[in-house]
PDB file of N, CA and C in Angstrom:
ATOM      1  N   UNK A   1      39.867 199.982 127.675  1.00  0.00           N
ATOM      2  CA  UNK A   1      40.154 201.302 127.891  1.00  0.00           C
ATOM      3  C   UNK A   1      41.397 201.528 128.800  1.00  0.00           C
ATOM      4  N   UNK A   2      42.123 202.396 128.433  1.00  0.00           N
ATOM      5  CA  UNK A   2      43.468 202.605 129.184  1.00  0.00           C
ATOM      6  C   UNK A   2      43.021 203.347 130.462  1.00  0.00           C
ATOM      7  N   UNK A   3      44.046 203.406 131.316  1.00  0.00           N
ATOM      8  CA  UNK A   3      44.005 204.037 132.852  1.00  0.00           C
ATOM      9  C   UNK A   3      43.557 205.538 132.491  1.00  0.00           C
ATOM     10  N   UNK A   4      42.755 206.177 133.256  1.00  0.00           N
ATOM     11  CA  UNK A   4      42.531 207.483 133.112  1.00  0.00           C
ATOM     12  C   UNK A   4      43.780 208.455 133.577  1.00  0.00           C
ATOM     13  N   UNK A   5      43.985 209.549 132.910  1.00  0.00           N
ATOM     14  CA  UNK A   5      44.843 210.533 133.363  1.00  0.00           C
ATOM     15  C   UNK A   5      44.476 211.413 134.448  1.00  0.00           C
ATOM     16  N   UNK A   6      45.237 212.203 135.098  1.00  0.00           N
ATOM     17  CA  UNK A   6      44.553 213.074 136.133  1.00  0.00           C
ATOM     18  C   UNK A   6      43.643 214.117 135.503  1.00  0.00           C
ATOM     19  N   UNK A   7      43.837 214.341 134.162  1.00  0.00           N
ATOM     20  CA  UNK A   7      42.975 215.318 133.473  1.00  0.00           C
ATOM     21  C   UNK A   7      41.469 214.684 133.339  1.00  0.00           C
ATOM     22  N   UNK A   8      41.649 213.556 132.654  1.00  0.00           N
ATOM     23  CA  UNK A   8      40.411 212.907 132.585  1.00  0.00           C
ATOM     24  C   UNK A   8      39.604 212.310 133.757  1.00  0.00           C
ATOM     25  N   UNK A   9      40.494 212.023 134.548  1.00  0.00           N
ATOM     26  CA  UNK A   9      39.749 211.798 136.098  1.00  0.00           C
ATOM     27  C   UNK A   9      39.035 212.942 136.564  1.00  0.00           C
ATOM     28  N   UNK A  10      39.590 214.147 136.411  1.00  0.00           N
ATOM     29  CA  UNK A  10      38.910 215.297 136.838  1.00  0.00           C
ATOM     30  C   UNK A  10      37.515 215.402 136.078  1.00  0.00           C
ATOM     31  N   UNK A  11      37.485 215.102 134.728  1.00  0.00           N
ATOM     32  CA  UNK A  11      36.396 215.317 133.897  1.00  0.00           C
ATOM     33  C   UNK A  11      35.355 214.251 134.508  1.00  0.00           C
ATOM     34  N   UNK A  12      35.749 213.185 134.724  1.00  0.00           N
ATOM     35  CA  UNK A  12      34.661 212.101 135.245  1.00  0.00           C
ATOM     36  C   UNK A  12      34.160 212.872 136.573  1.00  0.00           C
ATOM     37  N   UNK A  13      34.936 213.100 137.424  1.00  0.00           N
ATOM     38  CA  UNK A  13      34.468 213.649 138.777  1.00  0.00           C
ATOM     39  C   UNK A  13      33.523 214.673 138.595  1.00  0.00           C
ATOM     40  N   UNK A  14      33.870 215.653 137.795  1.00  0.00           N
ATOM     41  CA  UNK A  14      33.058 216.813 137.602  1.00  0.00           C
ATOM     42  C   UNK A  14      31.634 216.472 137.045  1.00  0.00           C
ATOM     43  N   UNK A  15      31.723 215.307 136.063  1.00  0.00           N
ATOM     44  CA  UNK A  15      30.402 214.804 135.440  1.00  0.00           C
ATOM     45  C   UNK A  15      29.865 214.316 136.686  1.00  0.00           C
ATOM     46  N   UNK A  16      30.347 213.472 137.537  1.00  0.00           N
ATOM     47  CA  UNK A  16      29.575 212.831 138.620  1.00  0.00           C
ATOM     48  C   UNK A  16      28.866 213.816 139.696  1.00  0.00           C
ATOM     49  N   UNK A  17      29.755 214.908 139.743  1.00  0.00           N
ATOM     50  CA  UNK A  17      29.296 216.045 140.608  1.00  0.00           C
ATOM     51  C   UNK A  17      28.053 216.745 140.058  1.00  0.00           C
ATOM     52  N   UNK A  18      27.954 216.676 138.755  1.00  0.00           N
ATOM     53  CA  UNK A  18      26.715 217.269 138.102  1.00  0.00           C
ATOM     54  C   UNK A  18      25.448 216.533 138.501  1.00  0.00           C
ATOM     55  N   UNK A  19      25.757 215.288 138.246  1.00  0.00           N
ATOM     56  CA  UNK A  19      24.701 214.381 138.582  1.00  0.00           C
ATOM     57  C   UNK A  19      24.298 214.233 139.924  1.00  0.00           C
ATOM     58  N   UNK A  20      25.319 214.217 140.893  1.00  0.00           N
ATOM     59  CA  UNK A  20      24.868 214.430 142.307  1.00  0.00           C
ATOM     60  C   UNK A  20      24.198 215.672 142.746  1.00  0.00           C
ATOM     61  N   UNK A  21      24.596 216.596 142.125  1.00  0.00           N
ATOM     62  CA  UNK A  21      24.010 217.962 142.551  1.00  0.00           C
ATOM     63  C   UNK A  21      22.759 218.162 141.963  1.00  0.00           C
ATOM     64  N   UNK A  22      22.433 217.715 140.894  1.00  0.00           N
ATOM     65  CA  UNK A  22      21.015 217.529 140.292  1.00  0.00           C
ATOM     66  C   UNK A  22      19.999 216.460 141.149  1.00  0.00           C
ATOM     67  N   UNK A  23      20.675 215.563 141.682  1.00  0.00           N
ATOM     68  CA  UNK A  23      19.830 214.615 142.376  1.00  0.00           C
ATOM     69  C   UNK A  23      19.465 215.145 143.782  1.00  0.00           C
ATOM     70  N   UNK A  24      20.319 215.983 144.310  1.00  0.00           N
ATOM     71  CA  UNK A  24      20.073 216.635 145.483  1.00  0.00           C
ATOM     72  C   UNK A  24      19.360 217.936 145.235  1.00  0.00           C
ATOM     73  N   UNK A  25      18.910 218.241 144.135  1.00  0.00           N
ATOM     74  CA  UNK A  25      18.280 219.471 143.961  1.00  0.00           C
ATOM     75  C   UNK A  25      19.023 220.742 143.889  1.00  0.00           C
ATOM     76  N   UNK A  26      20.262 220.614 143.828  1.00  0.00           N
ATOM     77  CA  UNK A  26      21.127 221.788 143.690  1.00  0.00           C
ATOM     78  C   UNK A  26      21.328 222.250 142.044  1.00  0.00           C
ATOM     79  N   UNK A  27      20.326 222.774 141.553  1.00  0.00           N
ATOM     80  CA  UNK A  27      20.483 222.962 140.176  1.00  0.00           C
ATOM     81  C   UNK A  27      21.475 224.299 139.733  1.00  0.00           C
ATOM     82  N   UNK A  28      21.686 225.010 140.781  1.00  0.00           N
ATOM     83  CA  UNK A  28      22.786 226.077 140.445  1.00  0.00           C
ATOM     84  C   UNK A  28      24.090 225.462 140.603  1.00  0.00           C
ATOM     85  N   UNK A  29      24.251 224.556 141.338  1.00  0.00           N
ATOM     86  CA  UNK A  29      25.535 223.938 141.400  1.00  0.00           C
ATOM     87  C   UNK A  29      25.854 222.988 140.290  1.00  0.00           C
ATOM     88  N   UNK A  30      24.822 222.214 139.981  1.00  0.00           N
ATOM     89  CA  UNK A  30      24.899 221.560 138.571  1.00  0.00           C
ATOM     90  C   UNK A  30      25.433 222.416 137.523  1.00  0.00           C
ATOM     91  N   UNK A  31      24.537 223.372 137.315  1.00  0.00           N
ATOM     92  CA  UNK A  31      24.998 224.470 136.251  1.00  0.00           C
ATOM     93  C   UNK A  31      26.368 224.931 136.305  1.00  0.00           C
ATOM     94  N   UNK A  32      26.710 225.229 137.552  1.00  0.00           N
ATOM     95  CA  UNK A  32      28.162 225.686 137.666  1.00  0.00           C
ATOM     96  C   UNK A  32      29.242 224.762 137.275  1.00  0.00           C
ATOM     97  N   UNK A  33      28.928 223.556 137.695  1.00  0.00           N
ATOM     98  CA  UNK A  33      29.929 222.425 137.563  1.00  0.00           C
ATOM     99  C   UNK A  33      29.963 222.218 135.841  1.00  0.00           C
ATOM    100  N   UNK A  34      28.740 222.239 135.235  1.00  0.00           N
ATOM    101  CA  UNK A  34      28.750 222.295 133.841  1.00  0.00           C
ATOM    102  C   UNK A  34      29.620 223.378 133.256  1.00  0.00           C
ATOM    103  N   UNK A  35      29.326 224.434 133.679  1.00  0.00           N
ATOM    104  CA  UNK A  35      30.086 225.486 133.000  1.00  0.00           C
ATOM    105  C   UNK A  35      31.704 225.424 133.143  1.00  0.00           C
ATOM    106  N   UNK A  36      32.136 224.622 134.254  1.00  0.00           N
ATOM    107  CA  UNK A  36      33.275 224.413 134.440  1.00  0.00           C
ATOM    108  C   UNK A  36      34.241 223.660 133.561  1.00  0.00           C
ATOM    109  N   UNK A  37      33.290 222.761 132.724  1.00  0.00           N
ATOM    110  CA  UNK A  37      34.048 222.213 131.849  1.00  0.00           C
ATOM    111  C   UNK A  37      34.687 223.084 130.819  1.00  0.00           C
ATOM    112  N   UNK A  38      35.809 222.559 130.254  1.00  0.00           N
ATOM    113  CA  UNK A  38      36.672 223.376 129.396  1.00  0.00           C
ATOM    114  C   UNK A  38      36.037 223.606 128.107  1.00  0.00           C
ATOM    115  N   UNK A  39      35.181 222.641 127.677  1.00  0.00           N
ATOM    116  CA  UNK A  39      34.480 222.825 126.243  1.00  0.00           C
ATOM    117  C   UNK A  39      33.366 221.576 125.938  1.00  0.00           C
ATOM    118  N   UNK A  40      32.956 221.654 125.088  1.00  0.00           N
ATOM    119  CA  UNK A  40      31.847 220.451 124.774  1.00  0.00           C
ATOM    120  C   UNK A  40      32.611 219.166 124.581  1.00  0.00           C
ATOM    121  N   UNK A  41      33.846 219.090 124.118  1.00  0.00           N
ATOM    122  CA  UNK A  41      34.485 217.814 123.842  1.00  0.00           C
ATOM    123  C   UNK A  41      34.895 217.330 125.370  1.00  0.00           C
ATOM    124  N   UNK A  42      35.487 218.048 126.020  1.00  0.00           N
ATOM    125  CA  UNK A  42      35.575 217.784 127.444  1.00  0.00           C
ATOM    126  C   UNK A  42      34.333 217.159 128.282  1.00  0.00           C
ATOM    127  N   UNK A  43      33.298 217.841 128.099  1.00  0.00           N
ATOM    128  CA  UNK A  43      32.117 217.501 128.758  1.00  0.00           C
ATOM    129  C   UNK A  43      31.717 216.002 128.265  1.00  0.00           C
ATOM    130  N   UNK A  44      31.466 215.843 126.847  1.00  0.00           N
ATOM    131  CA  UNK A  44      31.315 214.757 126.262  1.00  0.00           C
ATOM    132  C   UNK A  44      32.168 213.676 127.003  1.00  0.00           C
ATOM    133  N   UNK A  45      33.468 213.811 127.047  1.00  0.00           N
ATOM    134  CA  UNK A  45      34.488 212.720 127.338  1.00  0.00           C
ATOM    135  C   UNK A  45      34.085 212.457 128.762  1.00  0.00           C
ATOM    136  N   UNK A  46      33.987 213.430 129.473  1.00  0.00           N
ATOM    137  CA  UNK A  46      33.482 213.188 131.032  1.00  0.00           C
ATOM    138  C   UNK A  46      32.384 212.357 131.226  1.00  0.00           C
ATOM    139  N   UNK A  47      31.306 212.641 130.650  1.00  0.00           N
ATOM    140  CA  UNK A  47      30.093 211.871 130.694  1.00  0.00           C
ATOM    141  C   UNK A  47      30.259 210.550 130.210  1.00  0.00           C
ATOM    142  N   UNK A  48      30.956 210.271 128.945  1.00  0.00           N
ATOM    143  CA  UNK A  48      31.117 209.163 128.478  1.00  0.00           C
ATOM    144  C   UNK A  48      31.762 208.234 129.437  1.00  0.00           C
ATOM    145  N   UNK A  49      32.944 208.875 129.963  1.00  0.00           N
ATOM    146  CA  UNK A  49      33.766 207.877 130.806  1.00  0.00           C
ATOM    147  C   UNK A  49      33.119 207.540 131.976  1.00  0.00           C
ATOM    148  N   UNK A  50      32.243 208.436 132.615  1.00  0.00           N
ATOM    149  CA  UNK A  50      31.445 208.234 133.763  1.00  0.00           C
ATOM    150  C   UNK A  50      30.508 206.920 133.349  1.00  0.00           C
ATOM    151  N   UNK A  51      29.819 207.031 132.338  1.00  0.00           N
ATOM    152  CA  UNK A  51      28.804 206.073 131.947  1.00  0.00           C
ATOM    153  C   UNK A  51      29.526 204.792 131.693  1.00  0.00           C
ATOM    154  N   UNK A  52      30.656 204.593 131.213  1.00  0.00           N
ATOM    155  CA  UNK A  52      31.370 203.475 130.795  1.00  0.00           C
ATOM    156  C   UNK A  52      31.938 202.830 132.353  1.00  0.00           C
ATOM    157  N   UNK A  53      32.285 203.709 133.109  1.00  0.00           N
ATOM    158  CA  UNK A  53      32.657 203.303 134.613  1.00  0.00           C
ATOM    159  C   UNK A  53      31.394 202.772 135.237  1.00  0.00           C
ATOM    160  N   UNK A  54      30.344 203.441 135.200  1.00  0.00           N
ATOM    161  CA  UNK A  54      28.952 203.079 135.964  1.00  0.00           C
ATOM    162  C   UNK A  54      28.539 201.837 135.358  1.00  0.00           C
ATOM    163  N   UNK A  55      28.560 201.625 133.940  1.00  0.00           N
ATOM    164  CA  UNK A  55      28.112 200.401 133.395  1.00  0.00           C
ATOM    165  C   UNK A  55      28.853 199.148 133.688  1.00  0.00           C
ATOM    166  N   UNK A  56      30.170 199.530 134.017  1.00  0.00           N
ATOM    167  CA  UNK A  56      31.236 198.497 134.319  1.00  0.00           C
ATOM    168  C   UNK A  56      30.970 198.052 135.716  1.00  0.00           C
ATOM    169  N   UNK A  57      30.563 198.865 136.551  1.00  0.00           N
ATOM    170  CA  UNK A  57      30.246 198.529 137.976  1.00  0.00           C
ATOM    171  C   UNK A  57      29.000 197.774 138.003  1.00  0.00           C
ATOM    172  N   UNK A  58      28.010 198.119 137.298  1.00  0.00           N
ATOM    173  CA  UNK A  58      26.794 197.244 137.210  1.00  0.00           C
ATOM    174  C   UNK A  58      26.989 195.915 136.672  1.00  0.00           C
ATOM    175  N   UNK A  59      27.719 195.936 135.664  1.00  0.00           N
ATOM    176  CA  UNK A  59      28.242 194.494 135.081  1.00  0.00           C
ATOM    177  C   UNK A  59      28.937 193.696 135.998  1.00  0.00           C
ATOM    178  N   UNK A  60      29.942 194.293 136.486  1.00  0.00           N
ATOM    179  CA  UNK A  60      30.629 193.498 137.456  1.00  0.00           C
ATOM    180  C   UNK A  60      29.844 192.860 138.819  1.00  0.00           C
ATOM    181  N   UNK A  61      28.791 193.868 139.262  1.00  0.00           N
ATOM    182  CA  UNK A  61      27.979 193.550 140.279  1.00  0.00           C
ATOM    183  C   UNK A  61      26.815 192.334 139.900  1.00  0.00           C
ATOM    184  N   UNK A  62      26.241 192.500 138.555  1.00  0.00           N
ATOM    185  CA  UNK A  62      25.024 191.746 138.145  1.00  0.00           C
ATOM    186  C   UNK A  62      25.711 190.430 137.310  1.00  0.00           C
ATOM    187  N   UNK A  63      26.890 190.450 136.784  1.00  0.00           N
ATOM    188  CA  UNK A  63      27.280 189.284 136.136  1.00  0.00           C
ATOM    189  C   UNK A  63      26.861 189.353 134.669  1.00  0.00           C
ATOM    190  N   UNK A  64      26.063 190.433 134.218  1.00  0.00           N
ATOM    191  CA  UNK A  64      25.506 190.338 133.026  1.00  0.00           C
ATOM    192  C   UNK A  64      26.568 190.827 131.950  1.00  0.00           C
ATOM    193  N   UNK A  65      26.549 190.499 130.700  1.00  0.00           N
ATOM    194  CA  UNK A  65      27.298 190.921 129.732  1.00  0.00           C
ATOM    195  C   UNK A  65      27.006 192.468 129.552  1.00  0.00           C
ATOM    196  N   UNK A  66      27.990 193.254 128.972  1.00  0.00           N
ATOM    197  CA  UNK A  66      27.673 194.621 128.636  1.00  0.00           C
ATOM    198  C   UNK A  66      26.560 194.633 127.613  1.00  0.00           C
ATOM    199  N   UNK A  67      26.808 193.747 126.453  1.00  0.00           N
ATOM    200  CA  UNK A  67      25.501 193.714 125.553  1.00  0.00           C
ATOM    201  C   UNK A  67      24.184 193.716 126.249  1.00  0.00           C
ATOM    202  N   UNK A  68      23.895 192.781 127.285  1.00  0.00           N
ATOM    203  CA  UNK A  68      22.730 192.497 127.819  1.00  0.00           C
ATOM    204  C   UNK A  68      22.370 193.977 128.666  1.00  0.00           C
ATOM    205  N   UNK A  69      23.506 194.454 129.398  1.00  0.00           N
ATOM    206  CA  UNK A  69      23.099 195.457 130.131  1.00  0.00           C
ATOM    207  C   UNK A  69      22.738 196.796 129.178  1.00  0.00           C
ATOM    208  N   UNK A  70      23.312 196.897 128.019  1.00  0.00           N
ATOM    209  CA  UNK A  70      22.879 198.078 127.139  1.00  0.00           C
ATOM    210  C   UNK A  70      21.585 197.789 126.561  1.00  0.00           C
ATOM    211  N   UNK A  71      21.347 196.567 126.145  1.00  0.00           N
ATOM    212  CA  UNK A  71      20.007 196.495 125.608  1.00  0.00           C
ATOM    213  C   UNK A  71      18.944 196.691 126.912  1.00  0.00           C
ATOM    214  N   UNK A  72      19.043 196.178 128.096  1.00  0.00           N
ATOM    215  CA  UNK A  72      18.182 196.611 129.125  1.00  0.00           C
ATOM    216  C   UNK A  72      18.070 198.191 129.425  1.00  0.00           C
ATOM    217  N   UNK A  73      19.073 198.885 129.208  1.00  0.00           N
ATOM    218  CA  UNK A  73      19.088 200.199 129.399  1.00  0.00           C
ATOM    219  C   UNK A  73      18.340 200.935 128.304  1.00  0.00           C
ATOM    220  N   UNK A  74      18.712 200.387 127.023  1.00  0.00           N
ATOM    221  CA  UNK A  74      17.793 200.780 125.970  1.00  0.00           C
ATOM    222  C   UNK A  74      16.236 200.745 126.004  1.00  0.00           C
ATOM    223  N   UNK A  75      15.942 199.421 126.513  1.00  0.00           N
ATOM    224  CA  UNK A  75      14.484 199.194 126.786  1.00  0.00           C
ATOM    225  C   UNK A  75      13.839 200.277 127.702  1.00  0.00           C
ATOM    226  N   UNK A  76      14.707 200.476 128.807  1.00  0.00           N
ATOM    227  CA  UNK A  76      14.233 201.347 130.043  1.00  0.00           C
ATOM    228  C   UNK A  76      14.060 202.747 129.437  1.00  0.00           C
ATOM    229  N   UNK A  77      15.079 203.246 128.822  1.00  0.00           N
ATOM    230  CA  UNK A  77      14.813 204.580 128.043  1.00  0.00           C
ATOM    231  C   UNK A  77      13.720 204.795 127.076  1.00  0.00           C
ATOM    232  N   UNK A  78      13.508 203.687 126.557  1.00  0.00           N
ATOM    233  CA  UNK A  78      12.442 203.808 125.565  1.00  0.00           C
ATOM    234  C   UNK A  78      11.089 203.846 126.205  1.00  0.00           C
ATOM    235  N   UNK A  79      10.824 203.056 127.250  1.00  0.00           N
ATOM    236  CA  UNK A  79       9.610 203.034 127.957  1.00  0.00           C
ATOM    237  C   UNK A  79       9.538 204.258 128.792  1.00  0.00           C
ATOM    238  N   UNK A  80      10.682 204.959 129.273  1.00  0.00           N
ATOM    239  CA  UNK A  80      10.682 205.975 129.965  1.00  0.00           C
ATOM    240  C   UNK A  80      10.161 207.155 129.247  1.00  0.00           C
ATOM    241  N   UNK A  81      10.688 207.192 127.974  1.00  0.00           N
ATOM    242  CA  UNK A  81      10.309 208.354 126.901  1.00  0.00           C
ATOM    243  C   UNK A  81       8.998 207.909 126.329  1.00  0.00           C
ATOM    244  N   UNK A  82       8.408 206.957 126.561  1.00  0.00           N
ATOM    245  CA  UNK A  82       7.083 206.670 126.024  1.00  0.00           C
ATOM    246  C   UNK A  82       7.222 206.361 124.449  1.00  0.00           C
ATOM    247  N   UNK A  83       8.302 205.855 124.307  1.00  0.00           N
ATOM    248  CA  UNK A  83       8.553 205.329 122.740  1.00  0.00           C
ATOM    249  C   UNK A  83       8.682 203.867 122.596  1.00  0.00           C
ATOM    250  N   UNK A  84       8.420 203.350 121.527  1.00  0.00           N
ATOM    251  CA  UNK A  84       8.569 201.939 121.237  1.00  0.00           C
ATOM    252  C   UNK A  84      10.006 201.461 121.368  1.00  0.00           C
ATOM    253  N   UNK A  85      10.205 200.259 121.825  1.00  0.00           N
ATOM    254  CA  UNK A  85      11.579 199.838 121.999  1.00  0.00           C
ATOM    255  C   UNK A  85      12.202 199.802 120.704  1.00  0.00           C
ATOM    256  N   UNK A  86      13.765 199.991 120.599  1.00  0.00           N
ATOM    257  CA  UNK A  86      14.358 200.046 119.424  1.00  0.00           C
ATOM    258  C   UNK A  86      14.328 198.792 118.551  1.00  0.00           C
ATOM    259  N   UNK A  87      14.395 198.655 117.454  1.00  0.00           N
ATOM    260  CA  UNK A  87      14.288 197.569 116.558  1.00  0.00           C
ATOM    261  C   UNK A  87      15.412 196.616 116.871  1.00  0.00           C
ATOM    262  N   UNK A  88      15.150 195.301 116.873  1.00  0.00           N
ATOM    263  CA  UNK A  88      16.217 194.242 117.129  1.00  0.00           C
ATOM    264  C   UNK A  88      16.547 194.149 118.642  1.00  0.00           C
ATOM    265  N   UNK A  89      15.683 194.728 119.542  1.00  0.00           N
ATOM    266  CA  UNK A  89      16.073 194.590 120.823  1.00  0.00           C
ATOM    267  C   UNK A  89      14.996 193.824 121.651  1.00  0.00           C
TER     268      UNK A  89
END
């Protein structure tokens, strides 16, 4: 992935702010930050880039491959949602 531009960095920071606000119980602040995205495409890009960055940090710290991390994450999501694990995992 190429280096983020100031505009994409702002989207990532806004997405991180939404998550931080939600975790501290500031739902109004999270909603305000969500509404501040210029559109659905920008919101999607911001959260995608944040997820990519976060997974990269976990990968660097754990030494796991990205495939192993995504597999582990998929299993965790399935268990949390009360669903059977995805096929092939």
